[in-house]
Amino acid sequence: MQQYTLAPLNADAWRVLAPDGAHVGNLKRVGAVWKFKAIGYEANGQLVPGGGPLTGQHNAMLPHPDALALNAVLHEP
Protein backbone atom coordinates (compact mmCIF):
# COMPACT_ATOMS: atom_id res chain seq x y z
CA MET A 1 0.00 0.00 0.00
CA GLN A 2 1.33 3.44 -0.94
CA GLN A 3 2.20 5.71 1.93
CA TYR A 4 1.69 9.41 1.32
CA THR A 5 3.69 11.93 3.32
CA LEU A 6 3.10 15.52 4.39
CA ALA A 7 5.52 18.41 3.92
CA PRO A 8 4.68 21.76 5.54
CA LEU A 9 4.05 24.80 3.34
CA ASN A 10 2.74 27.27 5.93
CA ALA A 11 0.42 27.37 8.96
CA ASP A 12 -2.63 26.56 6.82
CA ALA A 13 -1.29 24.18 4.17
CA TRP A 14 0.76 21.02 3.69
CA ARG A 15 1.95 19.38 0.47
CA VAL A 16 0.89 15.76 0.00
CA LEU A 17 3.60 13.67 -1.64
CA ALA A 18 3.41 10.19 -3.15
CA PRO A 19 6.11 7.65 -2.19
CA ASP A 20 8.09 8.63 -5.31
CA GLY A 21 8.05 12.29 -4.22
CA ALA A 22 5.41 13.38 -6.74
CA HIS A 23 3.16 16.22 -5.57
CA VAL A 24 -0.38 14.76 -5.64
CA GLY A 25 -2.27 17.34 -3.58
CA ASN A 26 -2.40 19.70 -0.67
CA LEU A 27 -3.97 19.55 2.75
CA LYS A 28 -5.49 22.97 3.46
CA ARG A 29 -7.17 24.40 6.53
CA VAL A 30 -10.68 25.57 5.69
CA GLY A 31 -12.27 27.02 8.78
CA ALA A 32 -11.96 24.43 11.54
CA VAL A 33 -11.30 21.42 9.27
CA TRP A 34 -8.54 20.33 6.96
CA LYS A 35 -9.43 19.38 3.37
CA PHE A 36 -7.43 17.34 0.93
CA LYS A 37 -7.17 19.10 -2.42
CA ALA A 38 -6.12 16.72 -5.18
CA ILE A 39 -3.95 18.02 -7.99
CA GLY A 40 -2.60 16.65 -11.20
CA TYR A 41 -0.36 17.85 -13.97
CA GLU A 42 -0.87 17.80 -17.73
CA ALA A 43 1.93 16.62 -20.03
CA ASN A 44 3.00 20.24 -20.55
CA GLY A 45 3.31 20.75 -16.76
CA GLN A 46 0.07 22.72 -16.37
CA LEU A 47 -1.53 22.25 -12.92
CA VAL A 48 -4.96 20.58 -12.87
CA PRO A 49 -6.85 21.42 -9.63
CA GLY A 50 -8.90 18.44 -8.46
CA GLY A 51 -7.10 16.17 -10.94
CA GLY A 52 -4.44 13.53 -10.74
CA PRO A 53 -4.45 10.05 -9.26
CA LEU A 54 -6.42 11.04 -6.13
CA THR A 55 -9.34 12.87 -7.78
CA GLY A 56 -11.80 10.58 -5.99
CA GLN A 57 -10.60 11.80 -2.60
CA HIS A 58 -10.70 15.52 -3.49
CA ASN A 59 -12.22 17.48 -0.57
CA ALA A 60 -11.83 14.61 1.92
CA MET A 61 -11.81 16.08 5.43
CA LEU A 62 -9.48 15.54 8.38
CA PRO A 63 -9.57 17.07 11.87
CA HIS A 64 -5.86 17.99 11.69
CA PRO A 65 -2.75 17.25 9.60
CA ASP A 66 -1.75 13.69 10.36
CA ALA A 67 -0.02 11.32 7.95
CA LEU A 68 -1.69 8.16 9.36
CA ALA A 69 -5.18 9.66 9.13
CA LEU A 70 -4.42 11.07 5.68
CA ASN A 71 -3.31 7.67 4.41
CA ALA A 72 -6.46 6.04 5.78
CA VAL A 73 -8.62 8.59 3.94
CA LEU A 74 -6.65 8.42 0.70
CA HIS A 75 -6.84 4.62 0.59
CA GLU A 76 -10.64 4.53 0.92
CA PRO A 77 -12.38 3.25 -2.23
PDB file of N, CA and C in Angstrom:
ATOM      1  N   MET A   1       0.847  -1.178   0.000  1.00  0.00           N
ATOM      2  CA  MET A   1       0.000   0.000   0.000  1.00  0.00           C
ATOM      3  C   MET A   1       0.897   1.247   0.000  1.00  0.00           C
ATOM      4  N   GLN A   2       0.565   2.190  -0.885  1.00  0.00           N
ATOM      5  CA  GLN A   2       1.333   3.437  -0.942  1.00  0.00           C
ATOM      6  C   GLN A   2       1.181   4.222   0.348  1.00  0.00           C
ATOM      7  N   GLN A   3       2.244   4.853   0.758  1.00  0.00           N
ATOM      8  CA  GLN A   3       2.198   5.714   1.933  1.00  0.00           C
ATOM      9  C   GLN A   3       2.508   7.141   1.503  1.00  0.00           C
ATOM     10  N   TYR A   4       1.533   8.000   1.648  1.00  0.00           N
ATOM     11  CA  TYR A   4       1.692   9.408   1.320  1.00  0.00           C
ATOM     12  C   TYR A   4       2.285  10.133   2.520  1.00  0.00           C
ATOM     13  N   THR A   5       3.069  11.161   2.246  1.00  0.00           N
ATOM     14  CA  THR A   5       3.686  11.933   3.316  1.00  0.00           C
ATOM     15  C   THR A   5       3.254  13.391   3.214  1.00  0.00           C
ATOM     16  N   LEU A   6       3.433  14.102   4.317  1.00  0.00           N
ATOM     17  CA  LEU A   6       3.103  15.522   4.388  1.00  0.00           C
ATOM     18  C   LEU A   6       4.380  16.337   4.519  1.00  0.00           C
ATOM     19  N   ALA A   7       4.409  17.463   3.810  1.00  0.00           N
ATOM     20  CA  ALA A   7       5.516  18.408   3.918  1.00  0.00           C
ATOM     21  C   ALA A   7       4.911  19.786   4.152  1.00  0.00           C
ATOM     22  N   PRO A   8       5.310  20.477   5.235  1.00  0.00           N
ATOM     23  CA  PRO A   8       4.683  21.763   5.545  1.00  0.00           C
ATOM     24  C   PRO A   8       4.960  22.832   4.497  1.00  0.00           C
ATOM     25  N   LEU A   9       3.917  23.616   4.197  1.00  0.00           N
ATOM     26  CA  LEU A   9       4.052  24.796   3.337  1.00  0.00           C
ATOM     27  C   LEU A   9       3.983  26.059   4.187  1.00  0.00           C
ATOM     28  N   ASN A  10       2.923  26.141   5.007  1.00  0.00           N
ATOM     29  CA  ASN A  10       2.741  27.269   5.926  1.00  0.00           C
ATOM     30  C   ASN A  10       1.763  26.821   7.016  1.00  0.00           C
ATOM     31  N   ALA A  11       1.288  27.736   7.832  1.00  0.00           N
ATOM     32  CA  ALA A  11       0.420  27.372   8.961  1.00  0.00           C
ATOM     33  C   ALA A  11      -0.910  26.763   8.525  1.00  0.00           C
ATOM     34  N   ASP A  12      -1.322  27.021   7.290  1.00  0.00           N
ATOM     35  CA  ASP A  12      -2.627  26.557   6.821  1.00  0.00           C
ATOM     36  C   ASP A  12      -2.570  25.580   5.649  1.00  0.00           C
ATOM     37  N   ALA A  13      -1.390  25.082   5.314  1.00  0.00           N
ATOM     38  CA  ALA A  13      -1.293  24.180   4.166  1.00  0.00           C
ATOM     39  C   ALA A  13      -0.089  23.253   4.261  1.00  0.00           C
ATOM     40  N   TRP A  14      -0.295  22.039   3.773  1.00  0.00           N
ATOM     41  CA  TRP A  14       0.755  21.016   3.691  1.00  0.00           C
ATOM     42  C   TRP A  14       0.719  20.427   2.287  1.00  0.00           C
ATOM     43  N   ARG A  15       1.876  20.111   1.734  1.00  0.00           N
ATOM     44  CA  ARG A  15       1.948  19.384   0.465  1.00  0.00           C
ATOM     45  C   ARG A  15       1.765  17.901   0.770  1.00  0.00           C
ATOM     46  N   VAL A  16       1.052  17.207  -0.110  1.00  0.00           N
ATOM     47  CA  VAL A  16       0.889  15.758   0.001  1.00  0.00           C
ATOM     48  C   VAL A  16       1.736  15.145  -1.112  1.00  0.00           C
ATOM     49  N   LEU A  17       2.654  14.275  -0.701  1.00  0.00           N
ATOM     50  CA  LEU A  17       3.596  13.667  -1.637  1.00  0.00           C
ATOM     51  C   LEU A  17       3.407  12.155  -1.703  1.00  0.00           C
ATOM     52  N   ALA A  18       3.462  11.632  -2.923  1.00  0.00           N
ATOM     53  CA  ALA A  18       3.413  10.187  -3.146  1.00  0.00           C
ATOM     54  C   ALA A  18       4.763   9.596  -2.734  1.00  0.00           C
ATOM     55  N   PRO A  19       4.842   8.275  -2.592  1.00  0.00           N
ATOM     56  CA  PRO A  19       6.111   7.652  -2.190  1.00  0.00           C
ATOM     57  C   PRO A  19       7.287   8.000  -3.105  1.00  0.00           C
ATOM     58  N   ASP A  20       7.016   8.267  -4.383  1.00  0.00           N
ATOM     59  CA  ASP A  20       8.089   8.630  -5.306  1.00  0.00           C
ATOM     60  C   ASP A  20       8.432  10.120  -5.264  1.00  0.00           C
ATOM     61  N   GLY A  21       7.780  10.868  -4.358  1.00  0.00           N
ATOM     62  CA  GLY A  21       8.046  12.293  -4.219  1.00  0.00           C
ATOM     63  C   GLY A  21       7.163  13.184  -5.071  1.00  0.00           C
ATOM     64  N   ALA A  22       6.301  12.585  -5.887  1.00  0.00           N
ATOM     65  CA  ALA A  22       5.409  13.378  -6.739  1.00  0.00           C
ATOM     66  C   ALA A  22       4.392  14.138  -5.890  1.00  0.00           C
ATOM     67  N   HIS A  23       4.147  15.372  -6.255  1.00  0.00           N
ATOM     68  CA  HIS A  23       3.163  16.217  -5.567  1.00  0.00           C
ATOM     69  C   HIS A  23       1.776  15.835  -6.085  1.00  0.00           C
ATOM     70  N   VAL A  24       0.932  15.249  -5.218  1.00  0.00           N
ATOM     71  CA  VAL A  24      -0.385  14.763  -5.637  1.00  0.00           C
ATOM     72  C   VAL A  24      -1.533  15.550  -5.024  1.00  0.00           C
ATOM     73  N   GLY A  25      -1.208  16.533  -4.176  1.00  0.00           N
ATOM     74  CA  GLY A  25      -2.268  17.344  -3.584  1.00  0.00           C
ATOM     75  C   GLY A  25      -1.759  18.180  -2.441  1.00  0.00           C
ATOM     76  N   ASN A  26      -2.697  18.869  -1.829  1.00  0.00           N
ATOM     77  CA  ASN A  26      -2.401  19.700  -0.671  1.00  0.00           C
ATOM     78  C   ASN A  26      -3.442  19.425   0.403  1.00  0.00           C
ATOM     79  N   LEU A  27      -3.055  19.610   1.630  1.00  0.00           N
ATOM     80  CA  LEU A  27      -3.973  19.553   2.752  1.00  0.00           C
ATOM     81  C   LEU A  27      -4.088  20.990   3.239  1.00  0.00           C
ATOM     82  N   LYS A  28      -5.297  21.559   3.139  1.00  0.00           N
ATOM     83  CA  LYS A  28      -5.494  22.972   3.462  1.00  0.00           C
ATOM     84  C   LYS A  28      -6.506  23.137   4.574  1.00  0.00           C
ATOM     85  N   ARG A  29      -6.221  24.089   5.465  1.00  0.00           N
ATOM     86  CA  ARG A  29      -7.168  24.403   6.533  1.00  0.00           C
ATOM     87  C   ARG A  29      -8.272  25.280   5.942  1.00  0.00           C
ATOM     88  N   VAL A  30      -9.514  24.820   6.131  1.00  0.00           N
ATOM     89  CA  VAL A  30     -10.679  25.569   5.685  1.00  0.00           C
ATOM     90  C   VAL A  30     -11.581  25.697   6.902  1.00  0.00           C
ATOM     91  N   GLY A  31     -11.537  26.848   7.529  1.00  0.00           N
ATOM     92  CA  GLY A  31     -12.269  27.023   8.783  1.00  0.00           C
ATOM     93  C   GLY A  31     -11.636  26.158   9.857  1.00  0.00           C
ATOM     94  N   ALA A  32     -12.445  25.281  10.450  1.00  0.00           N
ATOM     95  CA  ALA A  32     -11.962  24.429  11.541  1.00  0.00           C
ATOM     96  C   ALA A  32     -11.538  23.037  11.075  1.00  0.00           C
ATOM     97  N   VAL A  33     -11.660  22.749   9.771  1.00  0.00           N
ATOM     98  CA  VAL A  33     -11.299  21.420   9.270  1.00  0.00           C
ATOM     99  C   VAL A  33     -10.184  21.539   8.241  1.00  0.00           C
ATOM    100  N   TRP A  34      -9.566  20.423   7.980  1.00  0.00           N
ATOM    101  CA  TRP A  34      -8.535  20.331   6.956  1.00  0.00           C
ATOM    102  C   TRP A  34      -9.112  19.542   5.794  1.00  0.00           C
ATOM    103  N   LYS A  35      -8.916  20.047   4.569  1.00  0.00           N
ATOM    104  CA  LYS A  35      -9.431  19.378   3.373  1.00  0.00           C
ATOM    105  C   LYS A  35      -8.276  18.997   2.458  1.00  0.00           C
ATOM    106  N   PHE A  36      -8.387  17.792   1.927  1.00  0.00           N
ATOM    107  CA  PHE A  36      -7.428  17.338   0.928  1.00  0.00           C
ATOM    108  C   PHE A  36      -7.851  17.900  -0.421  1.00  0.00           C
ATOM    109  N   LYS A  37      -6.935  18.539  -1.091  1.00  0.00           N
ATOM    110  CA  LYS A  37      -7.173  19.097  -2.416  1.00  0.00           C
ATOM    111  C   LYS A  37      -6.271  18.376  -3.403  1.00  0.00           C
ATOM    112  N   ALA A  38      -6.872  17.486  -4.189  1.00  0.00           N
ATOM    113  CA  ALA A  38      -6.120  16.718  -5.177  1.00  0.00           C
ATOM    114  C   ALA A  38      -5.611  17.643  -6.280  1.00  0.00           C
ATOM    115  N   ILE A  39      -4.461  17.305  -6.822  1.00  0.00           N
ATOM    116  CA  ILE A  39      -3.951  18.017  -7.992  1.00  0.00           C
ATOM    117  C   ILE A  39      -3.315  17.025  -8.946  1.00  0.00           C
ATOM    118  N   GLY A  40      -3.273  17.425 -10.176  1.00  0.00           N
ATOM    119  CA  GLY A  40      -2.604  16.645 -11.199  1.00  0.00           C
ATOM    120  C   GLY A  40      -1.852  17.598 -12.095  1.00  0.00           C
ATOM    121  N   TYR A  41      -1.120  17.044 -13.032  1.00  0.00           N
ATOM    122  CA  TYR A  41      -0.360  17.855 -13.973  1.00  0.00           C
ATOM    123  C   TYR A  41      -0.573  17.299 -15.368  1.00  0.00           C
ATOM    124  N   GLU A  42      -0.779  18.200 -16.333  1.00  0.00           N
ATOM    125  CA  GLU A  42      -0.871  17.796 -17.728  1.00  0.00           C
ATOM    126  C   GLU A  42       0.534  17.533 -18.251  1.00  0.00           C
ATOM    127  N   ALA A  43       0.631  16.946 -19.434  1.00  0.00           N
ATOM    128  CA  ALA A  43       1.928  16.620 -20.029  1.00  0.00           C
ATOM    129  C   ALA A  43       2.823  17.842 -20.178  1.00  0.00           C
ATOM    130  N   ASN A  44       2.216  19.017 -20.387  1.00  0.00           N
ATOM    131  CA  ASN A  44       2.997  20.244 -20.549  1.00  0.00           C
ATOM    132  C   ASN A  44       3.344  20.901 -19.207  1.00  0.00           C
ATOM    133  N   GLY A  45       2.993  20.241 -18.091  1.00  0.00           N
ATOM    134  CA  GLY A  45       3.310  20.746 -16.763  1.00  0.00           C
ATOM    135  C   GLY A  45       2.241  21.619 -16.143  1.00  0.00           C
ATOM    136  N   GLN A  46       1.159  21.886 -16.879  1.00  0.00           N
ATOM    137  CA  GLN A  46       0.070  22.725 -16.370  1.00  0.00           C
ATOM    138  C   GLN A  46      -0.637  22.024 -15.196  1.00  0.00           C
ATOM    139  N   LEU A  47      -0.854  22.758 -14.111  1.00  0.00           N
ATOM    140  CA  LEU A  47      -1.528  22.248 -12.920  1.00  0.00           C
ATOM    141  C   LEU A  47      -3.013  22.027 -13.198  1.00  0.00           C
ATOM    142  N   VAL A  48      -3.546  20.893 -12.716  1.00  0.00           N
ATOM    143  CA  VAL A  48      -4.963  20.579 -12.868  1.00  0.00           C
ATOM    144  C   VAL A  48      -5.572  20.442 -11.469  1.00  0.00           C
ATOM    145  N   PRO A  49      -6.209  21.518 -10.945  1.00  0.00           N
ATOM    146  CA  PRO A  49      -6.850  21.423  -9.626  1.00  0.00           C
ATOM    147  C   PRO A  49      -7.933  20.343  -9.619  1.00  0.00           C
ATOM    148  N   GLY A  50      -7.928  19.521  -8.577  1.00  0.00           N
ATOM    149  CA  GLY A  50      -8.904  18.445  -8.463  1.00  0.00           C
ATOM    150  C   GLY A  50      -8.584  17.231  -9.316  1.00  0.00           C
ATOM    151  N   GLY A  51      -7.468  17.265 -10.039  1.00  0.00           N
ATOM    152  CA  GLY A  51      -7.101  16.171 -10.937  1.00  0.00           C
ATOM    153  C   GLY A  51      -6.087  15.235 -10.322  1.00  0.00           C
ATOM    154  N   GLY A  52      -5.489  14.452 -11.172  1.00  0.00           N
ATOM    155  CA  GLY A  52      -4.444  13.530 -10.737  1.00  0.00           C
ATOM    156  C   GLY A  52      -4.975  12.210 -10.224  1.00  0.00           C
ATOM    157  N   PRO A  53      -4.088  11.400  -9.666  1.00  0.00           N
ATOM    158  CA  PRO A  53      -4.450  10.045  -9.261  1.00  0.00           C
ATOM    159  C   PRO A  53      -5.396   9.968  -8.057  1.00  0.00           C
ATOM    160  N   LEU A  54      -5.570  11.070  -7.335  1.00  0.00           N
ATOM    161  CA  LEU A  54      -6.417  11.037  -6.135  1.00  0.00           C
ATOM    162  C   LEU A  54      -7.674  11.894  -6.279  1.00  0.00           C
ATOM    163  N   THR A  55      -8.136  12.066  -7.514  1.00  0.00           N
ATOM    164  CA  THR A  55      -9.335  12.867  -7.778  1.00  0.00           C
ATOM    165  C   THR A  55     -10.519  12.410  -6.931  1.00  0.00           C
ATOM    166  N   GLY A  56     -10.675  11.121  -6.748  1.00  0.00           N
ATOM    167  CA  GLY A  56     -11.802  10.579  -5.989  1.00  0.00           C
ATOM    168  C   GLY A  56     -11.816  10.986  -4.523  1.00  0.00           C
ATOM    169  N   GLN A  57     -10.679  11.404  -4.001  1.00  0.00           N
ATOM    170  CA  GLN A  57     -10.604  11.803  -2.596  1.00  0.00           C
ATOM    171  C   GLN A  57     -10.563  13.324  -2.426  1.00  0.00           C
ATOM    172  N   HIS A  58     -10.707  14.057  -3.540  1.00  0.00           N
ATOM    173  CA  HIS A  58     -10.698  15.525  -3.493  1.00  0.00           C
ATOM    174  C   HIS A  58     -11.754  16.009  -2.498  1.00  0.00           C
ATOM    175  N   ASN A  59     -11.383  16.905  -1.616  1.00  0.00           N
ATOM    176  CA  ASN A  59     -12.225  17.483  -0.566  1.00  0.00           C
ATOM    177  C   ASN A  59     -12.466  16.558   0.625  1.00  0.00           C
ATOM    178  N   ALA A  60     -11.732  15.452   0.722  1.00  0.00           N
ATOM    179  CA  ALA A  60     -11.832  14.606   1.925  1.00  0.00           C
ATOM    180  C   ALA A  60     -11.407  15.453   3.121  1.00  0.00           C
ATOM    181  N   MET A  61     -12.069  15.258   4.252  1.00  0.00           N
ATOM    182  CA  MET A  61     -11.807  16.083   5.428  1.00  0.00           C
ATOM    183  C   MET A  61     -11.074  15.318   6.525  1.00  0.00           C
ATOM    184  N   LEU A  62     -10.220  16.053   7.231  1.00  0.00           N
ATOM    185  CA  LEU A  62      -9.476  15.538   8.376  1.00  0.00           C
ATOM    186  C   LEU A  62      -9.575  16.561   9.499  1.00  0.00           C
ATOM    187  N   PRO A  63      -9.509  16.111  10.765  1.00  0.00           N
ATOM    188  CA  PRO A  63      -9.575  17.068  11.867  1.00  0.00           C
ATOM    189  C   PRO A  63      -8.286  17.873  12.034  1.00  0.00           C
ATOM    190  N   HIS A  64      -7.144  17.313  11.581  1.00  0.00           N
ATOM    191  CA  HIS A  64      -5.856  17.990  11.691  1.00  0.00           C
ATOM    192  C   HIS A  64      -4.863  17.279  10.779  1.00  0.00           C
ATOM    193  N   PRO A  65      -3.750  17.914  10.450  1.00  0.00           N
ATOM    194  CA  PRO A  65      -2.752  17.250   9.605  1.00  0.00           C
ATOM    195  C   PRO A  65      -2.127  16.064  10.332  1.00  0.00           C
ATOM    196  N   ASP A  66      -2.277  14.907   9.764  1.00  0.00           N
ATOM    197  CA  ASP A  66      -1.748  13.688  10.361  1.00  0.00           C
ATOM    198  C   ASP A  66      -1.551  12.675   9.240  1.00  0.00           C
ATOM    199  N   ALA A  67      -0.330  12.215   9.058  1.00  0.00           N
ATOM    200  CA  ALA A  67      -0.017  11.317   7.953  1.00  0.00           C
ATOM    201  C   ALA A  67      -0.786   9.999   8.036  1.00  0.00           C
ATOM    202  N   LEU A  68      -0.948   9.428   9.228  1.00  0.00           N
ATOM    203  CA  LEU A  68      -1.686   8.165   9.356  1.00  0.00           C
ATOM    204  C   LEU A  68      -3.148   8.333   8.968  1.00  0.00           C
ATOM    205  N   ALA A  69      -3.782   9.400   9.470  1.00  0.00           N
ATOM    206  CA  ALA A  69      -5.184   9.662   9.131  1.00  0.00           C
ATOM    207  C   ALA A  69      -5.328   9.981   7.648  1.00  0.00           C
ATOM    208  N   LEU A  70      -4.385  10.734   7.107  1.00  0.00           N
ATOM    209  CA  LEU A  70      -4.416  11.074   5.683  1.00  0.00           C
ATOM    210  C   LEU A  70      -4.343   9.807   4.833  1.00  0.00           C
ATOM    211  N   ASN A  71      -3.434   8.910   5.161  1.00  0.00           N
ATOM    212  CA  ASN A  71      -3.309   7.672   4.407  1.00  0.00           C
ATOM    213  C   ASN A  71      -4.570   6.829   4.494  1.00  0.00           C
ATOM    214  N   ALA A  72      -5.200   6.791   5.642  1.00  0.00           N
ATOM    215  CA  ALA A  72      -6.460   6.036   5.779  1.00  0.00           C
ATOM    216  C   ALA A  72      -7.522   6.611   4.847  1.00  0.00           C
ATOM    217  N   VAL A  73      -7.629   7.934   4.800  1.00  0.00           N
ATOM    218  CA  VAL A  73      -8.623   8.586   3.939  1.00  0.00           C
ATOM    219  C   VAL A  73      -8.289   8.387   2.469  1.00  0.00           C
ATOM    220  N   LEU A  74      -7.020   8.523   2.103  1.00  0.00           N
ATOM    221  CA  LEU A  74      -6.647   8.418   0.698  1.00  0.00           C
ATOM    222  C   LEU A  74      -6.728   6.996   0.156  1.00  0.00           C
ATOM    223  N   HIS A  75      -6.732   6.004   1.042  1.00  0.00           N
ATOM    224  CA  HIS A  75      -6.838   4.617   0.586  1.00  0.00           C
ATOM    225  C   HIS A  75      -8.267   4.092   0.611  1.00  0.00           C
ATOM    226  N   GLU A  76      -9.237   4.954   0.956  1.00  0.00           N
ATOM    227  CA  GLU A  76     -10.641   4.530   0.916  1.00  0.00           C
ATOM    228  C   GLU A  76     -11.071   4.398  -0.539  1.00  0.00           C
ATOM    229  N   PRO A  77     -11.900   3.404  -0.834  1.00  0.00           N
ATOM    230  CA  PRO A  77     -12.381   3.254  -2.228  1.00  0.00           C
ATOM    231  C   PRO A  77     -13.316   4.369  -2.639  1.00  0.00           C
TER     232      PRO A  77
END
